[in-house]
N, C-alpha and C. Protein backbone atom coordinates (compact mmCIF):
# COMPACT_ATOMS: atom_id res chain seq x y z
N MET A 1 -17.81 -21.54 -51.30
CA MET A 1 -18.30 -20.28 -52.73
C MET A 1 -19.45 -20.02 -52.96
N LYS A 2 -20.51 -21.18 -52.05
CA LYS A 2 -21.68 -20.57 -52.46
C LYS A 2 -21.83 -18.87 -52.43
N LEU A 3 -21.20 -18.52 -51.41
CA LEU A 3 -21.41 -17.21 -50.96
C LEU A 3 -20.75 -16.33 -51.79
N LEU A 4 -19.54 -16.52 -52.84
CA LEU A 4 -18.66 -15.94 -53.36
C LEU A 4 -19.43 -16.12 -54.02
N ARG A 5 -19.93 -17.15 -55.11
CA ARG A 5 -20.68 -16.85 -56.47
C ARG A 5 -21.95 -16.20 -56.23
N ALA A 6 -22.41 -16.09 -55.06
CA ALA A 6 -23.60 -14.79 -54.44
C ALA A 6 -23.35 -13.29 -54.93
N TYR A 7 -22.05 -13.13 -54.46
CA TYR A 7 -22.17 -11.98 -54.14
C TYR A 7 -22.25 -11.01 -55.56
N PRO A 8 -22.18 -9.40 -55.94
CA PRO A 8 -22.92 -9.10 -56.76
C PRO A 8 -21.24 -8.18 -57.33
N SER A 9 -20.84 -8.11 -58.35
CA SER A 9 -19.43 -8.48 -58.97
C SER A 9 -18.96 -6.60 -58.71
N ASP A 10 -20.16 -5.76 -58.64
CA ASP A 10 -20.35 -4.67 -58.67
C ASP A 10 -20.70 -3.80 -57.06
N LYS A 11 -19.74 -4.57 -56.29
CA LYS A 11 -19.88 -3.64 -55.15
C LYS A 11 -18.93 -4.57 -54.25
N LEU A 12 -17.93 -4.62 -54.86
CA LEU A 12 -16.37 -5.18 -54.11
C LEU A 12 -15.81 -4.60 -53.19
N ASP A 13 -15.93 -2.67 -53.61
CA ASP A 13 -15.31 -1.93 -52.39
C ASP A 13 -16.01 -1.55 -50.96
N LEU A 14 -17.29 -2.88 -51.40
CA LEU A 14 -18.10 -2.11 -50.33
C LEU A 14 -17.05 -2.69 -48.99
N LYS A 15 -17.41 -1.64 -47.81
CA LYS A 15 -17.02 -1.95 -46.55
C LYS A 15 -17.85 -1.75 -45.48
N PRO A 16 -18.05 -2.50 -44.15
CA PRO A 16 -19.27 -1.82 -43.46
C PRO A 16 -18.82 -0.96 -42.63
N HIS A 17 -17.32 -0.32 -42.13
CA HIS A 17 -16.98 0.32 -41.39
C HIS A 17 -15.50 0.39 -42.02
N ALA A 18 -15.22 1.83 -41.62
CA ALA A 18 -13.29 1.75 -41.88
C ALA A 18 -12.48 1.51 -42.03
N ARG A 19 -12.71 0.48 -41.02
CA ARG A 19 -11.75 -0.84 -40.16
C ARG A 19 -12.20 -1.80 -40.90
N SER A 20 -12.94 -2.24 -41.39
CA SER A 20 -13.09 -3.28 -42.32
C SER A 20 -12.42 -3.66 -43.48
N LYS A 21 -12.22 -4.92 -43.73
CA LYS A 21 -11.90 -5.23 -45.63
C LYS A 21 -13.07 -4.72 -46.01
N THR A 22 -12.60 -4.56 -47.45
CA THR A 22 -13.30 -4.62 -48.86
C THR A 22 -13.72 -6.61 -48.86
N ALA A 23 -15.20 -5.59 -49.74
CA ALA A 23 -15.68 -7.17 -49.95
C ALA A 23 -14.75 -7.78 -50.53
N ARG A 24 -13.82 -7.16 -51.60
CA ARG A 24 -12.84 -8.15 -51.91
C ARG A 24 -11.73 -8.65 -51.70
N GLU A 25 -10.94 -8.00 -50.85
CA GLU A 25 -10.16 -8.83 -49.61
C GLU A 25 -10.35 -9.42 -48.40
N LEU A 26 -11.86 -9.37 -48.22
CA LEU A 26 -12.88 -10.39 -47.42
C LEU A 26 -12.74 -11.79 -48.34
N ALA A 27 -13.07 -11.39 -49.44
CA ALA A 27 -13.25 -12.80 -50.01
C ALA A 27 -11.64 -13.58 -50.35
N TRP A 28 -10.50 -13.08 -50.55
CA TRP A 28 -9.38 -13.52 -51.00
C TRP A 28 -8.68 -13.65 -49.76
N VAL A 29 -9.34 -13.98 -48.79
CA VAL A 29 -9.27 -14.51 -47.50
C VAL A 29 -9.28 -15.73 -47.33
N PHE A 30 -10.54 -16.42 -48.26
CA PHE A 30 -10.16 -17.36 -48.41
C PHE A 30 -8.97 -18.50 -48.85
N ALA A 31 -8.74 -17.89 -49.83
CA ALA A 31 -7.43 -18.23 -50.82
C ALA A 31 -6.30 -18.07 -49.80
N LEU A 32 -6.02 -16.43 -48.96
CA LEU A 32 -5.18 -16.63 -48.33
C LEU A 32 -4.79 -17.45 -47.46
N GLU A 33 -5.78 -18.10 -47.00
CA GLU A 33 -6.18 -19.24 -45.28
C GLU A 33 -5.22 -20.52 -46.15
N ARG A 34 -5.82 -20.46 -47.17
CA ARG A 34 -4.92 -21.82 -47.80
C ARG A 34 -3.58 -21.49 -48.11
N TYR A 35 -3.08 -20.91 -48.75
CA TYR A 35 -1.81 -20.11 -48.52
C TYR A 35 -0.87 -20.46 -47.09
N LEU A 36 -1.47 -19.96 -46.25
CA LEU A 36 -1.09 -20.43 -45.00
C LEU A 36 -1.08 -21.47 -44.36
N GLY A 37 -2.17 -21.98 -44.34
CA GLY A 37 -2.64 -24.00 -44.60
C GLY A 37 -1.21 -24.84 -45.13
N LYS A 38 -0.90 -24.21 -46.23
CA LYS A 38 -0.11 -25.06 -47.00
C LYS A 38 1.62 -24.79 -45.78
N ARG A 39 1.94 -23.28 -45.46
CA ARG A 39 3.25 -22.82 -44.91
C ARG A 39 2.99 -24.02 -43.72
N ILE A 40 1.86 -23.75 -43.35
CA ILE A 40 1.93 -24.65 -41.59
C ILE A 40 2.38 -26.31 -42.17
N TRP A 41 1.17 -26.75 -43.17
CA TRP A 41 2.15 -28.07 -43.29
C TRP A 41 2.88 -27.88 -43.06
N HIS A 42 3.71 -27.50 -44.11
CA HIS A 42 5.04 -28.14 -44.20
C HIS A 42 6.24 -27.49 -42.95
N ASP A 43 5.11 -26.84 -42.37
CA ASP A 43 6.37 -26.31 -40.97
C ASP A 43 7.12 -25.40 -41.35
N GLU A 44 6.83 -24.54 -42.41
CA GLU A 44 7.49 -22.93 -42.41
C GLU A 44 7.11 -21.85 -41.82
N MET A 45 6.42 -21.84 -40.45
CA MET A 45 6.03 -20.96 -39.72
C MET A 45 7.28 -20.18 -39.24
N THR A 46 8.30 -20.76 -38.76
CA THR A 46 9.43 -20.33 -38.04
C THR A 46 10.59 -19.93 -39.04
N LYS A 47 10.66 -20.00 -40.53
CA LYS A 47 11.09 -19.23 -41.36
C LYS A 47 10.37 -18.18 -41.85
N VAL A 48 11.45 -17.24 -42.28
CA VAL A 48 10.95 -16.13 -43.11
C VAL A 48 10.33 -16.39 -44.77
N ALA A 49 9.09 -16.18 -44.73
CA ALA A 49 8.40 -16.34 -45.95
C ALA A 49 8.79 -16.03 -47.35
N GLN A 50 9.02 -16.77 -48.21
CA GLN A 50 9.72 -16.23 -49.62
C GLN A 50 8.97 -15.66 -50.26
N GLY A 51 8.95 -14.31 -50.40
CA GLY A 51 7.60 -13.40 -51.42
C GLY A 51 6.35 -12.92 -50.44
N LYS A 52 5.77 -12.36 -51.43
CA LYS A 52 4.71 -12.62 -50.49
C LYS A 52 3.56 -13.27 -50.73
N PRO A 53 2.59 -13.53 -50.28
CA PRO A 53 1.08 -14.48 -50.28
C PRO A 53 0.54 -13.83 -51.42
N PRO A 54 0.11 -14.12 -52.37
CA PRO A 54 -0.67 -13.79 -53.58
C PRO A 54 -1.43 -12.74 -53.68
N ALA A 55 -1.56 -11.33 -54.70
CA ALA A 55 -2.60 -10.82 -53.82
C ALA A 55 -3.59 -10.77 -54.67
N ALA A 56 -4.53 -10.35 -54.34
CA ALA A 56 -5.89 -10.65 -55.39
C ALA A 56 -6.39 -10.59 -56.14
N PRO A 57 -6.71 -10.83 -57.25
CA PRO A 57 -6.56 -10.37 -58.52
C PRO A 57 -7.93 -9.59 -58.57
N GLU A 58 -8.14 -8.36 -59.44
CA GLU A 58 -9.23 -7.20 -59.48
C GLU A 58 -10.44 -7.79 -59.92
N ASN A 59 -10.31 -8.10 -61.37
CA ASN A 59 -11.48 -9.43 -61.72
C ASN A 59 -11.77 -10.54 -60.60
N TRP A 60 -13.42 -10.41 -60.24
CA TRP A 60 -14.38 -11.00 -60.00
C TRP A 60 -14.06 -12.57 -59.62
N ASN A 61 -14.33 -12.84 -61.28
CA ASN A 61 -14.33 -13.85 -61.67
C ASN A 61 -12.89 -14.54 -61.46
N GLU A 62 -11.86 -13.91 -61.47
CA GLU A 62 -10.38 -14.47 -61.52
C GLU A 62 -10.62 -14.87 -60.21
N LEU A 63 -11.24 -13.61 -59.17
CA LEU A 63 -11.03 -13.97 -57.82
C LEU A 63 -11.46 -15.15 -57.04
N VAL A 64 -12.83 -15.28 -57.41
CA VAL A 64 -13.36 -16.58 -57.03
C VAL A 64 -12.95 -17.65 -57.76
N GLY A 65 -12.32 -17.94 -59.25
CA GLY A 65 -11.57 -19.14 -59.52
C GLY A 65 -10.71 -19.26 -58.42
N GLY A 66 -9.63 -18.15 -58.66
CA GLY A 66 -8.48 -18.55 -57.73
C GLY A 66 -8.58 -18.92 -56.17
N VAL A 67 -9.75 -18.78 -55.42
CA VAL A 67 -10.34 -19.25 -54.24
C VAL A 67 -10.80 -20.76 -54.44
N ASP A 68 -11.18 -21.10 -55.55
CA ASP A 68 -11.49 -22.47 -55.73
C ASP A 68 -10.25 -23.43 -55.85
N LYS A 69 -9.57 -22.96 -56.85
CA LYS A 69 -8.33 -23.20 -57.49
C LYS A 69 -7.18 -23.85 -55.74
N ALA A 70 -7.30 -22.31 -55.35
CA ALA A 70 -5.91 -22.99 -53.88
C ALA A 70 -7.21 -24.01 -53.11
N HIS A 71 -8.92 -24.07 -52.82
CA HIS A 71 -9.37 -24.97 -52.29
C HIS A 71 -9.36 -26.24 -52.77
N HIS A 72 -9.18 -26.51 -53.73
CA HIS A 72 -8.81 -27.90 -54.12
C HIS A 72 -7.26 -28.28 -54.35
N ASP A 73 -6.57 -27.32 -54.48
CA ASP A 73 -5.50 -27.76 -54.49
C ASP A 73 -5.15 -28.36 -52.70
N PHE A 74 -5.30 -27.43 -51.80
CA PHE A 74 -5.26 -27.66 -50.04
C PHE A 74 -6.04 -29.32 -50.05
N MET A 75 -7.19 -28.80 -50.56
CA MET A 75 -8.20 -29.97 -50.51
C MET A 75 -7.13 -31.62 -50.65
N ASN A 76 -6.50 -31.56 -52.20
CA ASN A 76 -6.55 -33.04 -52.48
C ASN A 76 -4.58 -32.97 -51.81
N MET A 77 -4.11 -31.48 -51.56
CA MET A 77 -2.44 -32.24 -50.28
C MET A 77 -3.24 -32.91 -48.84
N VAL A 78 -4.66 -32.48 -48.42
CA VAL A 78 -4.85 -33.43 -47.37
C VAL A 78 -5.70 -34.54 -47.31
N ARG A 79 -6.35 -35.04 -48.16
CA ARG A 79 -6.61 -35.91 -48.59
C ARG A 79 -5.82 -37.14 -48.58
N ALA A 80 -4.43 -36.41 -49.53
CA ALA A 80 -3.44 -37.78 -50.20
C ALA A 80 -2.63 -38.14 -48.77
N ALA A 81 -2.99 -37.21 -47.18
CA ALA A 81 -2.29 -37.80 -45.92
C ALA A 81 -2.53 -38.99 -45.52
N SER A 82 -1.56 -39.21 -44.85
CA SER A 82 -1.70 -40.54 -44.35
C SER A 82 -1.91 -40.05 -42.59
N ASP A 83 -2.76 -40.43 -41.53
CA ASP A 83 -3.16 -40.84 -40.43
C ASP A 83 -1.56 -39.98 -39.71
N ALA A 84 -0.63 -40.92 -39.89
CA ALA A 84 0.48 -40.08 -39.32
C ALA A 84 0.94 -38.71 -40.15
N ASP A 85 0.88 -38.64 -41.32
CA ASP A 85 1.30 -37.18 -41.48
C ASP A 85 0.50 -36.07 -41.18
N LEU A 86 -0.79 -36.97 -40.54
CA LEU A 86 -1.93 -35.50 -40.00
C LEU A 86 -1.83 -35.64 -38.46
N GLN A 87 -1.09 -36.26 -38.01
CA GLN A 87 -0.44 -36.20 -36.45
C GLN A 87 1.23 -35.18 -36.25
N THR A 88 2.00 -35.51 -38.00
CA THR A 88 2.80 -34.78 -37.64
C THR A 88 2.74 -33.27 -36.76
N LYS A 89 3.45 -33.13 -36.05
CA LYS A 89 3.89 -31.85 -35.38
C LYS A 89 4.89 -30.57 -36.79
N VAL A 90 3.90 -29.26 -36.56
CA VAL A 90 4.40 -28.59 -36.89
C VAL A 90 4.02 -27.05 -35.53
N HIS A 91 4.77 -25.95 -36.42
CA HIS A 91 4.84 -25.04 -35.77
C HIS A 91 3.82 -24.09 -36.01
N PHE A 92 2.99 -23.26 -35.22
CA PHE A 92 2.10 -22.34 -34.92
C PHE A 92 1.77 -21.93 -34.06
N PHE A 93 1.29 -20.12 -34.16
CA PHE A 93 0.73 -19.69 -33.26
C PHE A 93 0.11 -20.11 -32.01
N VAL A 94 -0.02 -19.93 -31.05
CA VAL A 94 -0.53 -20.40 -29.83
C VAL A 94 -0.66 -19.39 -28.39
N GLY A 95 -0.49 -17.81 -29.40
CA GLY A 95 -0.71 -17.01 -27.97
C GLY A 95 -0.05 -15.97 -28.99
N PRO A 96 -0.02 -14.50 -28.58
CA PRO A 96 0.39 -13.85 -29.08
C PRO A 96 2.07 -13.18 -29.09
N LYS A 97 2.82 -13.79 -30.00
CA LYS A 97 4.19 -13.59 -30.61
C LYS A 97 4.47 -14.75 -29.58
N GLN A 98 3.90 -15.47 -29.75
CA GLN A 98 4.41 -17.61 -28.99
C GLN A 98 3.60 -18.37 -29.96
N MET A 99 4.79 -19.25 -30.70
CA MET A 99 5.09 -20.44 -31.01
C MET A 99 4.78 -21.59 -30.68
N GLY A 100 3.98 -22.10 -30.81
CA GLY A 100 3.83 -24.05 -29.99
C GLY A 100 3.92 -24.77 -31.31
N GLU A 101 3.99 -25.96 -30.83
CA GLU A 101 4.27 -27.31 -31.53
C GLU A 101 2.30 -27.66 -31.86
N LEU A 102 1.96 -28.26 -32.45
CA LEU A 102 0.58 -28.65 -32.86
C LEU A 102 0.34 -29.81 -34.18
N SER A 103 -0.74 -30.37 -33.67
CA SER A 103 -0.26 -31.55 -34.74
C SER A 103 -1.07 -30.80 -36.08
N ARG A 104 -0.91 -31.47 -37.00
CA ARG A 104 -1.24 -31.12 -38.33
C ARG A 104 -3.08 -30.98 -38.47
N MET A 105 -3.31 -31.97 -37.21
CA MET A 105 -4.62 -32.06 -37.74
C MET A 105 -4.91 -30.88 -36.72
N ASP A 106 -4.96 -30.60 -35.65
CA ASP A 106 -5.14 -29.45 -35.21
C ASP A 106 -5.06 -28.79 -35.48
N VAL A 107 -3.90 -28.22 -36.56
CA VAL A 107 -4.46 -26.81 -37.51
C VAL A 107 -5.24 -27.07 -38.42
N LEU A 108 -5.58 -28.13 -38.88
CA LEU A 108 -7.06 -28.00 -39.19
C LEU A 108 -7.39 -28.10 -39.65
N TRP A 109 -8.08 -28.58 -38.03
CA TRP A 109 -9.59 -27.95 -37.40
C TRP A 109 -9.62 -26.10 -37.46
N PHE A 110 -7.96 -25.72 -36.60
CA PHE A 110 -8.16 -24.18 -36.41
C PHE A 110 -8.57 -23.44 -37.95
N LEU A 111 -8.19 -24.26 -38.99
CA LEU A 111 -8.50 -23.28 -40.11
C LEU A 111 -10.04 -23.92 -40.69
N LEU A 112 -10.12 -24.41 -40.55
CA LEU A 112 -11.70 -24.99 -40.29
C LEU A 112 -12.59 -23.82 -40.02
N HIS A 113 -12.32 -23.92 -38.54
CA HIS A 113 -12.91 -22.82 -37.64
C HIS A 113 -12.68 -21.41 -37.60
N ASP A 114 -11.77 -21.06 -38.68
CA ASP A 114 -11.34 -19.56 -39.00
C ASP A 114 -12.11 -19.51 -40.29
N GLN A 115 -12.30 -20.43 -41.15
CA GLN A 115 -12.97 -20.12 -42.61
C GLN A 115 -14.38 -20.01 -41.93
N ILE A 116 -14.89 -20.71 -40.94
CA ILE A 116 -16.30 -20.66 -41.00
C ILE A 116 -16.40 -19.00 -40.25
N HIS A 117 -15.51 -18.91 -39.37
CA HIS A 117 -16.12 -17.43 -38.91
C HIS A 117 -15.64 -16.27 -39.81
N HIS A 118 -14.89 -16.49 -41.37
CA HIS A 118 -14.89 -15.34 -42.26
C HIS A 118 -16.16 -15.83 -43.61
N ARG A 119 -16.81 -17.08 -43.23
CA ARG A 119 -17.93 -17.50 -44.23
C ARG A 119 -19.42 -16.77 -43.73
N GLY A 120 -19.10 -16.46 -42.15
CA GLY A 120 -20.29 -15.98 -41.67
C GLY A 120 -19.95 -14.16 -42.35
N GLN A 121 -18.48 -13.59 -41.95
CA GLN A 121 -18.27 -12.19 -41.84
C GLN A 121 -18.65 -12.32 -43.47
N PHE A 122 -18.45 -12.65 -44.83
CA PHE A 122 -18.70 -12.35 -45.83
C PHE A 122 -20.47 -12.86 -45.92
N SER A 123 -20.99 -12.99 -45.38
CA SER A 123 -22.77 -13.62 -45.17
C SER A 123 -23.07 -12.04 -44.89
N ILE A 124 -22.83 -11.51 -43.84
CA ILE A 124 -23.15 -10.13 -43.87
C ILE A 124 -23.05 -9.03 -44.77
N TYR A 125 -21.92 -9.08 -45.24
CA TYR A 125 -21.50 -8.42 -46.44
C TYR A 125 -22.30 -8.27 -47.93
N LEU A 126 -23.02 -9.80 -48.15
CA LEU A 126 -23.88 -10.42 -48.89
C LEU A 126 -25.51 -9.37 -48.91
N ARG A 127 -25.63 -9.86 -47.47
CA ARG A 127 -26.88 -8.44 -47.32
C ARG A 127 -26.87 -7.75 -47.47
N MET A 128 -25.41 -7.45 -47.24
CA MET A 128 -25.44 -5.18 -46.95
C MET A 128 -25.36 -4.95 -48.96
N ALA A 129 -24.82 -6.08 -49.33
CA ALA A 129 -24.51 -5.66 -50.98
C ALA A 129 -25.62 -6.11 -51.50
N GLY A 130 -27.07 -6.13 -51.01
CA GLY A 130 -28.50 -6.30 -51.52
C GLY A 130 -28.64 -7.69 -52.71
N ALA A 131 -27.59 -8.73 -51.99
CA ALA A 131 -27.49 -10.01 -52.81
C ALA A 131 -28.27 -11.17 -51.77
N LYS A 132 -28.93 -11.98 -52.15
CA LYS A 132 -29.57 -13.11 -51.72
C LYS A 132 -28.30 -13.95 -50.85
N VAL A 133 -28.77 -13.94 -49.78
CA VAL A 133 -27.78 -15.05 -49.00
C VAL A 133 -28.23 -17.02 -48.91
N PRO A 134 -27.52 -17.37 -49.64
CA PRO A 134 -27.96 -18.82 -49.95
C PRO A 134 -27.63 -19.83 -48.48
N SER A 135 -28.48 -20.56 -48.22
CA SER A 135 -28.17 -21.16 -46.96
C SER A 135 -26.63 -21.81 -47.11
N ILE A 136 -26.41 -21.73 -45.60
CA ILE A 136 -25.18 -22.31 -45.34
C ILE A 136 -24.98 -23.85 -44.82
N TYR A 137 -25.55 -23.74 -43.15
CA TYR A 137 -25.29 -24.19 -42.65
C TYR A 137 -27.23 -25.27 -42.55
N GLY A 138 -27.63 -24.62 -42.89
CA GLY A 138 -29.49 -24.59 -43.17
C GLY A 138 -29.89 -23.28 -43.78
N PRO A 139 -31.05 -23.94 -43.92
CA PRO A 139 -31.94 -22.41 -44.20
C PRO A 139 -31.51 -20.70 -43.99
N SER A 140 -31.80 -20.47 -44.83
CA SER A 140 -31.37 -18.80 -44.68
C SER A 140 -32.62 -18.17 -45.08
N GLY A 141 -32.65 -16.42 -44.51
CA GLY A 141 -33.93 -15.94 -45.16
C GLY A 141 -34.47 -16.11 -46.37
N ASP A 142 -33.63 -16.11 -47.82
CA ASP A 142 -33.86 -15.56 -48.53
C ASP A 142 -33.62 -17.41 -49.58
N GLU A 143 -33.51 -18.48 -48.57
CA GLU A 143 -33.36 -19.58 -49.16
C GLU A 143 -33.52 -20.84 -47.76
N PRO A 144 -34.76 -20.70 -47.78
CA PRO A 144 -36.05 -21.24 -47.06
C PRO A 144 -36.04 -22.92 -47.43
N TRP A 145 -36.12 -23.81 -46.36
CA TRP A 145 -35.61 -25.20 -46.71
C TRP A 145 -37.92 -25.59 -46.94
N MET A 146 -38.22 -25.10 -46.27
CA MET A 146 -40.02 -25.50 -46.33
C MET A 146 -40.57 -24.06 -46.79
């Protein structure tokens, strides 16, 4: 959330490359991962999705608020889970066009690592937009600890 809140709202169309997402699209990935996480949690990956994932709001503050809400809703669902719930097997991709069974806990680790990846991507967008990159794991060039 620190990265999203630091992003300049007048640079939402920034794309580092023609094949890249815009900053707005990439920021919304954080909410879409929570949408995906809920589908996986309820073992819905082998079913045809009902409707489409929510579209990114045009307004930056609404987008950031939507990501924050999606995060808190997902976090509350996971926090309410028992150890047995976390070990329940669900279906998820294990290779190209291949579904396999993983525990919900393994899927949570996958989602965390994917979010770390996207957070790194977004920090590059932040730098390209001329904004200051806040500390994430530790100090950054713009937010030193010493």
